[in-house]
PDB file of N, CA and C in Angstrom:
ATOM      1  N   UNK A   1     157.573  53.108  86.883  1.00  0.00           N
ATOM      2  CA  UNK A   1     156.670  54.200  87.027  1.00  0.00           C
ATOM      3  C   UNK A   1     155.499  53.898  87.519  1.00  0.00           C
ATOM      4  N   UNK A   2     154.884  54.778  88.447  1.00  0.00           N
ATOM      5  CA  UNK A   2     153.513  54.483  89.069  1.00  0.00           C
ATOM      6  C   UNK A   2     152.469  54.776  88.090  1.00  0.00           C
ATOM      7  N   UNK A   3     151.209  53.981  88.050  1.00  0.00           N
ATOM      8  CA  UNK A   3     150.079  54.226  87.144  1.00  0.00           C
ATOM      9  C   UNK A   3     149.255  55.317  87.497  1.00  0.00           C
ATOM     10  N   UNK A   4     148.878  56.169  86.618  1.00  0.00           N
ATOM     11  CA  UNK A   4     148.225  57.423  87.009  1.00  0.00           C
ATOM     12  C   UNK A   4     146.721  56.852  87.468  1.00  0.00           C
ATOM     13  N   UNK A   5     146.169  57.740  88.228  1.00  0.00           N
ATOM     14  CA  UNK A   5     144.743  57.317  88.913  1.00  0.00           C
ATOM     15  C   UNK A   5     143.821  57.808  87.655  1.00  0.00           C
ATOM     16  N   UNK A   6     142.898  56.912  87.321  1.00  0.00           N
ATOM     17  CA  UNK A   6     141.840  57.438  86.391  1.00  0.00           C
ATOM     18  C   UNK A   6     140.358  57.587  87.048  1.00  0.00           C
ATOM     19  N   UNK A   7     139.644  58.149  86.208  1.00  0.00           N
ATOM     20  CA  UNK A   7     137.838  58.527  86.877  1.00  0.00           C
ATOM     21  C   UNK A   7     137.544  57.154  87.150  1.00  0.00           C
ATOM     22  N   UNK A   8     137.559  56.112  86.352  1.00  0.00           N
ATOM     23  CA  UNK A   8     137.086  54.714  86.410  1.00  0.00           C
ATOM     24  C   UNK A   8     137.812  54.159  87.692  1.00  0.00           C
ATOM     25  N   UNK A   9     138.934  54.208  87.825  1.00  0.00           N
ATOM     26  CA  UNK A   9     139.566  53.664  89.068  1.00  0.00           C
ATOM     27  C   UNK A   9     138.921  54.319  90.250  1.00  0.00           C
ATOM     28  N   UNK A  10     138.876  55.632  90.184  1.00  0.00           N
ATOM     29  CA  UNK A  10     138.356  56.331  91.299  1.00  0.00           C
ATOM     30  C   UNK A  10     136.696  55.777  91.818  1.00  0.00           C
ATOM     31  N   UNK A  11     136.045  55.875  90.652  1.00  0.00           N
ATOM     32  CA  UNK A  11     134.534  55.253  90.899  1.00  0.00           C
ATOM     33  C   UNK A  11     134.437  54.035  91.454  1.00  0.00           C
ATOM     34  N   UNK A  12     135.424  53.063  90.874  1.00  0.00           N
ATOM     35  CA  UNK A  12     135.394  51.653  91.311  1.00  0.00           C
ATOM     36  C   UNK A  12     135.822  51.622  92.893  1.00  0.00           C
ATOM     37  N   UNK A  13     136.829  52.410  93.171  1.00  0.00           N
ATOM     38  CA  UNK A  13     137.282  52.391  94.656  1.00  0.00           C
ATOM     39  C   UNK A  13     136.094  53.085  95.451  1.00  0.00           C
ATOM     40  N   UNK A  14     135.333  54.033  95.107  1.00  0.00           N
ATOM     41  CA  UNK A  14     134.051  54.654  95.742  1.00  0.00           C
ATOM     42  C   UNK A  14     133.027  53.476  95.893  1.00  0.00           C
ATOM     43  N   UNK A  15     132.762  52.925  94.989  1.00  0.00           N
ATOM     44  CA  UNK A  15     131.790  51.819  95.238  1.00  0.00           C
ATOM     45  C   UNK A  15     132.214  50.595  96.281  1.00  0.00           C
ATOM     46  N   UNK A  16     133.499  50.385  96.208  1.00  0.00           N
ATOM     47  CA  UNK A  16     133.804  49.447  97.000  1.00  0.00           C
ATOM     48  C   UNK A  16     133.823  49.982  98.581  1.00  0.00           C
ATOM     49  N   UNK A  17     134.042  50.992  98.702  1.00  0.00           N
ATOM     50  CA  UNK A  17     133.941  51.963 100.012  1.00  0.00           C
ATOM     51  C   UNK A  17     132.592  51.844 100.407  1.00  0.00           C
ATOM     52  N   UNK A  18     131.561  52.076  99.738  1.00  0.00           N
ATOM     53  CA  UNK A  18     130.286  52.000 100.052  1.00  0.00           C
ATOM     54  C   UNK A  18     129.713  50.677 100.418  1.00  0.00           C
ATOM     55  N   UNK A  19     130.117  49.545  99.908  1.00  0.00           N
ATOM     56  CA  UNK A  19     130.044  48.356 100.158  1.00  0.00           C
ATOM     57  C   UNK A  19     130.382  47.903 101.383  1.00  0.00           C
ATOM     58  N   UNK A  20     131.521  48.282 101.837  1.00  0.00           N
ATOM     59  CA  UNK A  20     132.195  48.115 103.110  1.00  0.00           C
ATOM     60  C   UNK A  20     131.640  48.649 104.298  1.00  0.00           C
ATOM     61  N   UNK A  21     130.761  49.808 104.316  1.00  0.00           N
ATOM     62  CA  UNK A  21     130.267  50.457 105.250  1.00  0.00           C
ATOM     63  C   UNK A  21     128.864  49.762 105.795  1.00  0.00           C
ATOM     64  N   UNK A  22     128.790  49.541 106.835  1.00  0.00           N
ATOM     65  CA  UNK A  22     127.348  48.823 107.210  1.00  0.00           C
ATOM     66  C   UNK A  22     126.270  49.830 107.157  1.00  0.00           C
ATOM     67  N   UNK A  23     125.415  49.814 106.436  1.00  0.00           N
ATOM     68  CA  UNK A  23     124.488  50.692 106.381  1.00  0.00           C
ATOM     69  C   UNK A  23     123.395  50.386 107.408  1.00  0.00           C
ATOM     70  N   UNK A  24     123.078  49.309 107.658  1.00  0.00           N
ATOM     71  CA  UNK A  24     122.163  48.836 108.672  1.00  0.00           C
ATOM     72  C   UNK A  24     122.429  49.450 110.077  1.00  0.00           C
ATOM     73  N   UNK A  25     123.600  49.334 110.451  1.00  0.00           N
ATOM     74  CA  UNK A  25     124.075  49.767 111.837  1.00  0.00           C
ATOM     75  C   UNK A  25     123.954  51.465 111.843  1.00  0.00           C
ATOM     76  N   UNK A  26     124.094  52.000 110.713  1.00  0.00           N
ATOM     77  CA  UNK A  26     123.913  53.650 110.741  1.00  0.00           C
ATOM     78  C   UNK A  26     122.323  53.888 110.896  1.00  0.00           C
ATOM     79  N   UNK A  27     121.351  53.136 110.302  1.00  0.00           N
ATOM     80  CA  UNK A  27     120.238  53.476 110.051  1.00  0.00           C
ATOM     81  C   UNK A  27     119.547  53.075 111.444  1.00  0.00           C
ATOM     82  N   UNK A  28     120.166  51.966 112.184  1.00  0.00           N
ATOM     83  CA  UNK A  28     119.496  51.748 113.474  1.00  0.00           C
ATOM     84  C   UNK A  28     119.709  52.717 114.558  1.00  0.00           C
ATOM     85  N   UNK A  29     120.968  53.242 114.387  1.00  0.00           N
ATOM     86  CA  UNK A  29     121.435  54.399 115.430  1.00  0.00           C
ATOM     87  C   UNK A  29     120.664  55.494 115.209  1.00  0.00           C
ATOM     88  N   UNK A  30     119.971  56.037 116.399  1.00  0.00           N
ATOM     89  CA  UNK A  30     119.316  57.512 116.189  1.00  0.00           C
ATOM     90  C   UNK A  30     120.428  58.677 115.818  1.00  0.00           C
ATOM     91  N   UNK A  31     120.123  59.465 115.000  1.00  0.00           N
ATOM     92  CA  UNK A  31     120.639  60.487 114.495  1.00  0.00           C
ATOM     93  C   UNK A  31     120.785  61.803 115.741  1.00  0.00           C
ATOM     94  N   UNK A  32     122.075  62.086 116.021  1.00  0.00           N
ATOM     95  CA  UNK A  32     122.181  62.939 117.123  1.00  0.00           C
ATOM     96  C   UNK A  32     122.281  64.403 116.657  1.00  0.00           C
ATOM     97  N   UNK A  33     121.553  65.258 117.173  1.00  0.00           N
ATOM     98  CA  UNK A  33     121.393  66.690 116.652  1.00  0.00           C
ATOM     99  C   UNK A  33     122.883  67.393 117.152  1.00  0.00           C
ATOM    100  N   UNK A  34     123.520  67.763 116.291  1.00  0.00           N
ATOM    101  CA  UNK A  34     124.572  68.448 116.557  1.00  0.00           C
ATOM    102  C   UNK A  34     124.763  69.784 115.731  1.00  0.00           C
ATOM    103  N   UNK A  35     125.386  70.839 116.123  1.00  0.00           N
ATOM    104  CA  UNK A  35     125.690  71.989 115.541  1.00  0.00           C
ATOM    105  C   UNK A  35     126.524  71.744 114.413  1.00  0.00           C
ATOM    106  N   UNK A  36     126.277  72.388 113.251  1.00  0.00           N
ATOM    107  CA  UNK A  36     127.255  72.273 112.118  1.00  0.00           C
ATOM    108  C   UNK A  36     128.736  72.480 112.556  1.00  0.00           C
ATOM    109  N   UNK A  37     129.465  71.710 112.052  1.00  0.00           N
ATOM    110  CA  UNK A  37     130.962  71.825 112.412  1.00  0.00           C
ATOM    111  C   UNK A  37     131.601  72.651 111.656  1.00  0.00           C
ATOM    112  N   UNK A  38     132.341  73.933 112.091  1.00  0.00           N
ATOM    113  CA  UNK A  38     133.198  74.656 111.191  1.00  0.00           C
ATOM    114  C   UNK A  38     134.566  74.410 111.579  1.00  0.00           C
ATOM    115  N   UNK A  39     135.282  74.679 110.541  1.00  0.00           N
ATOM    116  CA  UNK A  39     136.845  74.343 110.664  1.00  0.00           C
ATOM    117  C   UNK A  39     137.346  75.366 111.384  1.00  0.00           C
ATOM    118  N   UNK A  40     138.103  74.862 112.597  1.00  0.00           N
ATOM    119  CA  UNK A  40     138.767  75.683 113.556  1.00  0.00           C
ATOM    120  C   UNK A  40     139.877  76.462 112.933  1.00  0.00           C
ATOM    121  N   UNK A  41     140.156  77.651 113.282  1.00  0.00           N
ATOM    122  CA  UNK A  41     141.150  78.379 112.710  1.00  0.00           C
ATOM    123  C   UNK A  41     142.478  77.738 113.238  1.00  0.00           C
ATOM    124  N   UNK A  42     143.302  77.890 112.204  1.00  0.00           N
ATOM    125  CA  UNK A  42     144.768  77.387 112.607  1.00  0.00           C
ATOM    126  C   UNK A  42     145.448  77.897 113.683  1.00  0.00           C
ATOM    127  N   UNK A  43     145.768  76.735 114.614  1.00  0.00           N
ATOM    128  CA  UNK A  43     146.467  77.260 116.035  1.00  0.00           C
ATOM    129  C   UNK A  43     147.479  78.128 115.708  1.00  0.00           C
ATOM    130  N   UNK A  44     147.456  79.382 116.522  1.00  0.00           N
ATOM    131  CA  UNK A  44     148.496  80.123 116.311  1.00  0.00           C
ATOM    132  C   UNK A  44     148.621  81.166 115.211  1.00  0.00           C
ATOM    133  N   UNK A  45     147.603  81.121 114.270  1.00  0.00           N
ATOM    134  CA  UNK A  45     147.522  81.944 113.139  1.00  0.00           C
ATOM    135  C   UNK A  45     146.426  82.989 113.304  1.00  0.00           C
ATOM    136  N   UNK A  46     145.527  83.053 114.351  1.00  0.00           N
ATOM    137  CA  UNK A  46     144.645  84.057 114.329  1.00  0.00           C
ATOM    138  C   UNK A  46     145.148  85.330 114.567  1.00  0.00           C
ATOM    139  N   UNK A  47     144.653  86.211 113.847  1.00  0.00           N
ATOM    140  CA  UNK A  47     145.180  87.679 113.802  1.00  0.00           C
ATOM    141  C   UNK A  47     146.398  87.961 113.326  1.00  0.00           C
ATOM    142  N   UNK A  48     146.928  86.910 112.500  1.00  0.00           N
ATOM    143  CA  UNK A  48     148.316  87.227 111.886  1.00  0.00           C
ATOM    144  C   UNK A  48     148.065  87.502 110.464  1.00  0.00           C
ATOM    145  N   UNK A  49     148.954  87.987 109.744  1.00  0.00           N
ATOM    146  CA  UNK A  49     148.994  88.552 108.364  1.00  0.00           C
ATOM    147  C   UNK A  49     150.088  87.743 107.530  1.00  0.00           C
ATOM    148  N   UNK A  50     149.534  86.975 106.566  1.00  0.00           N
ATOM    149  CA  UNK A  50     150.647  86.439 105.765  1.00  0.00           C
ATOM    150  C   UNK A  50     151.232  87.153 104.740  1.00  0.00           C
ATOM    151  N   UNK A  51     152.648  87.060 104.676  1.00  0.00           N
ATOM    152  CA  UNK A  51     153.323  87.953 103.637  1.00  0.00           C
ATOM    153  C   UNK A  51     154.171  86.734 102.838  1.00  0.00           C
ATOM    154  N   UNK A  52     154.100  86.704 101.671  1.00  0.00           N
ATOM    155  CA  UNK A  52     154.753  86.005 100.678  1.00  0.00           C
ATOM    156  C   UNK A  52     155.585  86.397  99.755  1.00  0.00           C
ATOM    157  N   UNK A  53     156.350  85.658  98.924  1.00  0.00           N
ATOM    158  CA  UNK A  53     156.994  86.186  97.784  1.00  0.00           C
ATOM    159  C   UNK A  53     157.358  85.149  96.597  1.00  0.00           C
ATOM    160  N   UNK A  54     157.882  85.381  95.674  1.00  0.00           N
ATOM    161  CA  UNK A  54     158.313  84.550  94.664  1.00  0.00           C
ATOM    162  C   UNK A  54     159.845  84.677  94.470  1.00  0.00           C
ATOM    163  N   UNK A  55     160.487  83.756  94.617  1.00  0.00           N
ATOM    164  CA  UNK A  55     161.980  83.758  94.652  1.00  0.00           C
ATOM    165  C   UNK A  55     162.657  82.934  93.682  1.00  0.00           C
ATOM    166  N   UNK A  56     163.778  83.291  93.131  1.00  0.00           N
ATOM    167  CA  UNK A  56     164.530  82.558  92.214  1.00  0.00           C
ATOM    168  C   UNK A  56     165.111  81.281  92.969  1.00  0.00           C
ATOM    169  N   UNK A  57     165.605  80.325  92.151  1.00  0.00           N
ATOM    170  CA  UNK A  57     166.092  79.026  92.710  1.00  0.00           C
ATOM    171  C   UNK A  57     167.145  79.424  93.805  1.00  0.00           C
ATOM    172  N   UNK A  58     168.217  80.259  93.623  1.00  0.00           N
ATOM    173  CA  UNK A  58     169.303  80.493  94.388  1.00  0.00           C
ATOM    174  C   UNK A  58     168.975  81.044  95.918  1.00  0.00           C
ATOM    175  N   UNK A  59     167.872  81.924  95.823  1.00  0.00           N
ATOM    176  CA  UNK A  59     167.385  82.448  97.086  1.00  0.00           C
ATOM    177  C   UNK A  59     166.639  81.380  97.878  1.00  0.00           C
ATOM    178  N   UNK A  60     165.813  80.534  97.163  1.00  0.00           N
ATOM    179  CA  UNK A  60     165.009  79.469  97.784  1.00  0.00           C
ATOM    180  C   UNK A  60     166.090  78.525  98.504  1.00  0.00           C
ATOM    181  N   UNK A  61     167.357  78.239  97.555  1.00  0.00           N
ATOM    182  CA  UNK A  61     168.272  77.375  98.595  1.00  0.00           C
ATOM    183  C   UNK A  61     168.869  77.796  99.798  1.00  0.00           C
ATOM    184  N   UNK A  62     169.121  79.292  99.567  1.00  0.00           N
ATOM    185  CA  UNK A  62     169.527  80.073 100.684  1.00  0.00           C
ATOM    186  C   UNK A  62     168.455  80.021 101.919  1.00  0.00           C
ATOM    187  N   UNK A  63     167.468  79.912 101.727  1.00  0.00           N
ATOM    188  CA  UNK A  63     166.359  80.154 102.639  1.00  0.00           C
ATOM    189  C   UNK A  63     166.361  78.789 103.255  1.00  0.00           C
ATOM    190  N   UNK A  64     166.277  77.457 102.273  1.00  0.00           N
ATOM    191  CA  UNK A  64     166.392  76.310 103.035  1.00  0.00           C
ATOM    192  C   UNK A  64     167.479  75.904 103.691  1.00  0.00           C
ATOM    193  N   UNK A  65     168.730  76.577 103.482  1.00  0.00           N
ATOM    194  CA  UNK A  65     170.024  76.204 104.347  1.00  0.00           C
ATOM    195  C   UNK A  65     170.078  76.979 105.610  1.00  0.00           C
ATOM    196  N   UNK A  66     169.347  78.395 105.725  1.00  0.00           N
ATOM    197  CA  UNK A  66     169.273  79.069 106.901  1.00  0.00           C
ATOM    198  C   UNK A  66     168.153  78.282 107.813  1.00  0.00           C
ATOM    199  N   UNK A  67     167.068  77.970 107.207  1.00  0.00           N
ATOM    200  CA  UNK A  67     166.312  77.145 107.973  1.00  0.00           C
ATOM    201  C   UNK A  67     166.726  75.924 108.583  1.00  0.00           C
ATOM    202  N   UNK A  68     167.467  75.298 108.081  1.00  0.00           N
ATOM    203  CA  UNK A  68     168.249  73.913 108.509  1.00  0.00           C
ATOM    204  C   UNK A  68     169.156  74.339 109.622  1.00  0.00           C
ATOM    205  N   UNK A  69     170.083  75.357 109.222  1.00  0.00           N
ATOM    206  CA  UNK A  69     170.962  75.807 110.293  1.00  0.00           C
ATOM    207  C   UNK A  69     170.618  76.431 111.535  1.00  0.00           C
ATOM    208  N   UNK A  70     169.569  77.266 111.375  1.00  0.00           N
ATOM    209  CA  UNK A  70     169.023  77.845 112.502  1.00  0.00           C
ATOM    210  C   UNK A  70     167.934  77.377 113.200  1.00  0.00           C
ATOM    211  N   UNK A  71     167.336  76.143 112.457  1.00  0.00           N
ATOM    212  CA  UNK A  71     166.343  75.201 113.071  1.00  0.00           C
ATOM    213  C   UNK A  71     165.258  76.227 113.387  1.00  0.00           C
ATOM    214  N   UNK A  72     164.737  76.855 112.089  1.00  0.00           N
ATOM    215  CA  UNK A  72     163.567  77.775 112.184  1.00  0.00           C
ATOM    216  C   UNK A  72     162.569  77.400 111.039  1.00  0.00           C
ATOM    217  N   UNK A  73     161.327  77.691 111.177  1.00  0.00           N
ATOM    218  CA  UNK A  73     160.293  77.570 110.035  1.00  0.00           C
ATOM    219  C   UNK A  73     160.499  78.934 109.280  1.00  0.00           C
ATOM    220  N   UNK A  74     159.725  78.988 108.106  1.00  0.00           N
ATOM    221  CA  UNK A  74     159.774  80.088 107.203  1.00  0.00           C
ATOM    222  C   UNK A  74     159.314  81.395 107.933  1.00  0.00           C
ATOM    223  N   UNK A  75     158.113  81.210 108.799  1.00  0.00           N
ATOM    224  CA  UNK A  75     157.644  82.386 109.406  1.00  0.00           C
ATOM    225  C   UNK A  75     158.797  82.929 110.400  1.00  0.00           C
ATOM    226  N   UNK A  76     159.584  82.287 111.089  1.00  0.00           N
ATOM    227  CA  UNK A  76     160.412  82.651 112.223  1.00  0.00           C
ATOM    228  C   UNK A  76     161.541  83.177 111.318  1.00  0.00           C
ATOM    229  N   UNK A  77     162.035  82.793 110.329  1.00  0.00           N
ATOM    230  CA  UNK A  77     163.162  83.042 109.528  1.00  0.00           C
ATOM    231  C   UNK A  77     162.880  84.302 108.920  1.00  0.00           C
ATOM    232  N   UNK A  78     161.852  84.547 108.459  1.00  0.00           N
ATOM    233  CA  UNK A  78     161.318  85.957 107.869  1.00  0.00           C
ATOM    234  C   UNK A  78     161.308  86.862 108.977  1.00  0.00           C
ATOM    235  N   UNK A  79     160.702  86.583 110.171  1.00  0.00           N
ATOM    236  CA  UNK A  79     160.668  87.542 111.182  1.00  0.00           C
ATOM    237  C   UNK A  79     162.073  87.953 111.762  1.00  0.00           C
ATOM    238  N   UNK A  80     163.007  86.869 111.587  1.00  0.00           N
ATOM    239  CA  UNK A  80     164.218  87.441 112.147  1.00  0.00           C
ATOM    240  C   UNK A  80     164.983  88.175 111.199  1.00  0.00           C
ATOM    241  N   UNK A  81     164.851  88.070 109.887  1.00  0.00           N
ATOM    242  CA  UNK A  81     165.352  88.810 108.890  1.00  0.00           C
ATOM    243  C   UNK A  81     164.926  90.128 108.894  1.00  0.00           C
ATOM    244  N   UNK A  82     163.636  90.439 109.175  1.00  0.00           N
ATOM    245  CA  UNK A  82     162.992  91.663 109.095  1.00  0.00           C
ATOM    246  C   UNK A  82     163.535  92.356 110.480  1.00  0.00           C
ATOM    247  N   UNK A  83     163.381  91.870 111.598  1.00  0.00           N
ATOM    248  CA  UNK A  83     164.021  92.391 112.792  1.00  0.00           C
ATOM    249  C   UNK A  83     165.411  92.760 112.540  1.00  0.00           C
ATOM    250  N   UNK A  84     166.180  91.966 112.046  1.00  0.00           N
ATOM    251  CA  UNK A  84     167.734  92.431 111.945  1.00  0.00           C
ATOM    252  C   UNK A  84     167.940  93.589 110.894  1.00  0.00           C
ATOM    253  N   UNK A  85     167.272  93.376 109.876  1.00  0.00           N
ATOM    254  CA  UNK A  85     167.338  94.553 108.806  1.00  0.00           C
ATOM    255  C   UNK A  85     166.683  95.818 109.488  1.00  0.00           C
ATOM    256  N   UNK A  86     165.571  95.965 110.288  1.00  0.00           N
ATOM    257  CA  UNK A  86     165.074  96.975 110.909  1.00  0.00           C
ATOM    258  C   UNK A  86     166.023  97.611 111.780  1.00  0.00           C
ATOM    259  N   UNK A  87     166.636  96.853 112.729  1.00  0.00           N
ATOM    260  CA  UNK A  87     167.592  97.134 113.797  1.00  0.00           C
ATOM    261  C   UNK A  87     168.940  98.001 112.869  1.00  0.00           C
ATOM    262  N   UNK A  88     169.225  97.323 111.919  1.00  0.00           N
ATOM    263  CA  UNK A  88     170.277  98.175 111.308  1.00  0.00           C
ATOM    264  C   UNK A  88     169.992  99.331 110.614  1.00  0.00           C
ATOM    265  N   UNK A  89     168.861  99.588 110.091  1.00  0.00           N
ATOM    266  CA  UNK A  89     168.219 100.709 109.413  1.00  0.00           C
ATOM    267  C   UNK A  89     168.040 101.830 110.591  1.00  0.00           C
ATOM    268  N   UNK A  90     167.781 101.248 111.962  1.00  0.00           N
ATOM    269  CA  UNK A  90     167.476 102.356 112.965  1.00  0.00           C
ATOM    270  C   UNK A  90     169.031 102.829 113.545  1.00  0.00           C
ATOM    271  N   UNK A  91     169.950 101.753 113.520  1.00  0.00           N
ATOM    272  CA  UNK A  91     171.253 102.309 113.784  1.00  0.00           C
ATOM    273  C   UNK A  91     171.750 103.125 113.009  1.00  0.00           C
ATOM    274  N   UNK A  92     171.509 102.966 111.535  1.00  0.00           N
ATOM    275  CA  UNK A  92     172.087 103.896 110.582  1.00  0.00           C
ATOM    276  C   UNK A  92     171.583 105.139 110.470  1.00  0.00           C
ATOM    277  N   UNK A  93     170.343 105.509 110.938  1.00  0.00           N
ATOM    278  CA  UNK A  93     169.560 106.498 110.950  1.00  0.00           C
ATOM    279  C   UNK A  93     170.137 107.389 112.227  1.00  0.00           C
ATOM    280  N   UNK A  94     170.418 106.740 113.372  1.00  0.00           N
ATOM    281  CA  UNK A  94     170.777 107.108 114.596  1.00  0.00           C
ATOM    282  C   UNK A  94     172.310 107.900 114.322  1.00  0.00           C
ATOM    283  N   UNK A  95     173.019 107.158 113.608  1.00  0.00           N
ATOM    284  CA  UNK A  95     174.327 107.688 113.307  1.00  0.00           C
ATOM    285  C   UNK A  95     174.468 108.590 112.123  1.00  0.00           C
ATOM    286  N   UNK A  96     173.391 108.957 111.419  1.00  0.00           N
ATOM    287  CA  UNK A  96     173.280 109.919 110.243  1.00  0.00           C
ATOM    288  C   UNK A  96     174.031 109.150 109.137  1.00  0.00           C
ATOM    289  N   UNK A  97     173.958 108.062 109.039  1.00  0.00           N
ATOM    290  CA  UNK A  97     174.304 107.377 107.786  1.00  0.00           C
ATOM    291  C   UNK A  97     173.176 107.140 106.760  1.00  0.00           C
ATOM    292  N   UNK A  98     172.122 107.611 107.041  1.00  0.00           N
ATOM    293  CA  UNK A  98     170.735 107.336 106.113  1.00  0.00           C
ATOM    294  C   UNK A  98     170.051 109.012 106.329  1.00  0.00           C
TER     295      UNK A  98
END
């Protein structure tokens, strides 16, 4: 069984990390004036809306199996399922079934 990390171990490791960094080199180098860095938006998610849900174990297993069989990620799988359901509903309405 792995040992749980403790606060004391964390502080010890932090002090080791400070000793390893060369403070003299950073003081000798002139500080560059740079704009504050902002975290870039996740590539491909800009303008998209997150939709999620909480599912029971059986449904989660079905999703995992479909992801593996269809080689899709969760977003692609959900999109495909919604598109398929939407097309079925349109067809049912056209033929008067709904």
